Amino acid sequence: MKHLPDKRCSCCENQFCVDWAENHCILERIALDTRGQCLSCITVDIPEELLKVHRESMLKRFGEE
């Protein structure tokens, strides 16, 4: 279950942003585009080779179930 703050706010949920810590965005204010996507995100680049290794591992894990 997702818990929202008591007051209404715009919250970014991009876990690949440098401003993501302890399972939430640490910025007090963000800017959103017309589709509601965060314009304040600075996305962490994950090397393709690392993604490949993890994808293969996940495929093996879920293929065994």
C-alpha atoms as a PDB file:
ATOM      1  CA  MET A   1       0.000   0.000   0.000  1.00  0.00           C
ATOM      2  CA  LYS A   2       1.262   3.455  -0.895  1.00  0.00           C
ATOM      3  CA  HIS A   3       1.115   6.104   1.812  1.00  0.00           C
ATOM      4  CA  LEU A   4       0.664   9.688   0.673  1.00  0.00           C
ATOM      5  CA  PRO A   5       1.487  12.795   2.675  1.00  0.00           C
ATOM      6  CA  ASP A   6      -1.406  14.451   4.534  1.00  0.00           C
ATOM      7  CA  LYS A   7      -1.224  17.547   2.328  1.00  0.00           C
ATOM      8  CA  ARG A   8      -1.647  17.431  -1.431  1.00  0.00           C
ATOM      9  CA  CYS A   9       1.621  17.733  -3.304  1.00  0.00           C
ATOM     10  CA  SER A  10       3.256  16.888  -6.580  1.00  0.00           C
ATOM     11  CA  CYS A  11       5.572  13.972  -6.002  1.00  0.00           C
ATOM     12  CA  CYS A  12       8.035  12.376  -8.380  1.00  0.00           C
ATOM     13  CA  GLU A  13       8.335   8.597  -8.255  1.00  0.00           C
ATOM     14  CA  ASN A  14      11.357   8.126 -10.524  1.00  0.00           C
ATOM     15  CA  GLN A  15      13.629   5.816  -8.530  1.00  0.00           C
ATOM     16  CA  PHE A  16      16.392   6.328 -11.117  1.00  0.00           C
ATOM     17  CA  CYS A  17      16.704  10.038 -10.271  1.00  0.00           C
ATOM     18  CA  VAL A  18      19.688  11.287  -8.273  1.00  0.00           C
ATOM     19  CA  ASP A  19      17.225  12.962  -5.884  1.00  0.00           C
ATOM     20  CA  TRP A  20      15.658   9.608  -4.865  1.00  0.00           C
ATOM     21  CA  ALA A  21      16.487   8.417  -1.332  1.00  0.00           C
ATOM     22  CA  GLU A  22      14.809   6.212   1.248  1.00  0.00           C
ATOM     23  CA  ASN A  23      12.058   5.249  -1.207  1.00  0.00           C
ATOM     24  CA  HIS A  24      10.916   8.786  -2.103  1.00  0.00           C
ATOM     25  CA  CYS A  25      11.916  11.985  -3.892  1.00  0.00           C
ATOM     26  CA  ILE A  26      13.873  14.245  -1.555  1.00  0.00           C
ATOM     27  CA  LEU A  27      13.113  17.486  -3.420  1.00  0.00           C
ATOM     28  CA  GLU A  28      10.716  19.853  -1.674  1.00  0.00           C
ATOM     29  CA  ARG A  29       9.411  21.231  -4.979  1.00  0.00           C
ATOM     30  CA  ILE A  30       9.408  19.835  -8.499  1.00  0.00           C
ATOM     31  CA  ALA A  31       8.287  21.058 -11.912  1.00  0.00           C
ATOM     32  CA  LEU A  32       5.867  18.974 -13.967  1.00  0.00           C
ATOM     33  CA  ASP A  33       5.223  19.026 -17.695  1.00  0.00           C
ATOM     34  CA  THR A  34       1.730  18.967 -19.229  1.00  0.00           C
ATOM     35  CA  ARG A  35       1.637  15.154 -18.902  1.00  0.00           C
ATOM     36  CA  GLY A  36       2.555  15.221 -15.212  1.00  0.00           C
ATOM     37  CA  GLN A  37       6.113  14.032 -15.700  1.00  0.00           C
ATOM     38  CA  CYS A  38       8.826  15.534 -13.520  1.00  0.00           C
ATOM     39  CA  LEU A  39      11.075  18.097 -15.211  1.00  0.00           C
ATOM     40  CA  SER A  40      13.383  18.236 -12.192  1.00  0.00           C
ATOM     41  CA  CYS A  41      14.744  14.691 -12.578  1.00  0.00           C
ATOM     42  CA  ILE A  42      18.410  14.050 -13.162  1.00  0.00           C
ATOM     43  CA  THR A  43      18.381  10.450 -14.314  1.00  0.00           C
ATOM     44  CA  VAL A  44      21.153   8.030 -13.419  1.00  0.00           C
ATOM     45  CA  ASP A  45      22.619   6.315 -16.477  1.00  0.00           C
ATOM     46  CA  ILE A  46      22.896   2.556 -16.056  1.00  0.00           C
ATOM     47  CA  PRO A  47      25.404   0.917 -18.410  1.00  0.00           C
ATOM     48  CA  GLU A  48      23.819  -1.470 -20.927  1.00  0.00           C
ATOM     49  CA  GLU A  49      26.124  -4.320 -19.845  1.00  0.00           C
ATOM     50  CA  LEU A  50      24.924  -4.055 -16.244  1.00  0.00           C
ATOM     51  CA  LEU A  51      21.290  -4.034 -17.404  1.00  0.00           C
ATOM     52  CA  LYS A  52      21.966  -7.089 -19.552  1.00  0.00           C
ATOM     53  CA  VAL A  53      23.389  -9.045 -16.602  1.00  0.00           C
ATOM     54  CA  HIS A  54      20.420  -8.216 -14.383  1.00  0.00           C
ATOM     55  CA  ARG A  55      17.869  -8.920 -17.110  1.00  0.00           C
ATOM     56  CA  GLU A  56      19.385 -12.362 -17.707  1.00  0.00           C
ATOM     57  CA  SER A  57      19.395 -13.072 -13.972  1.00  0.00           C
ATOM     58  CA  MET A  58      15.738 -12.060 -13.633  1.00  0.00           C
ATOM     59  CA  LEU A  59      14.712 -14.115 -16.656  1.00  0.00           C
ATOM     60  CA  LYS A  60      16.410 -17.184 -15.176  1.00  0.00           C
ATOM     61  CA  ARG A  61      14.793 -16.602 -11.790  1.00  0.00           C
ATOM     62  CA  PHE A  62      11.286 -16.162 -13.141  1.00  0.00           C
ATOM     63  CA  GLY A  63      11.727 -18.933 -15.698  1.00  0.00           C
ATOM     64  CA  GLU A  64      12.312 -21.436 -12.886  1.00  0.00           C
ATOM     65  CA  GLU A  65       9.005 -20.714 -11.136  1.00  0.00           C
END
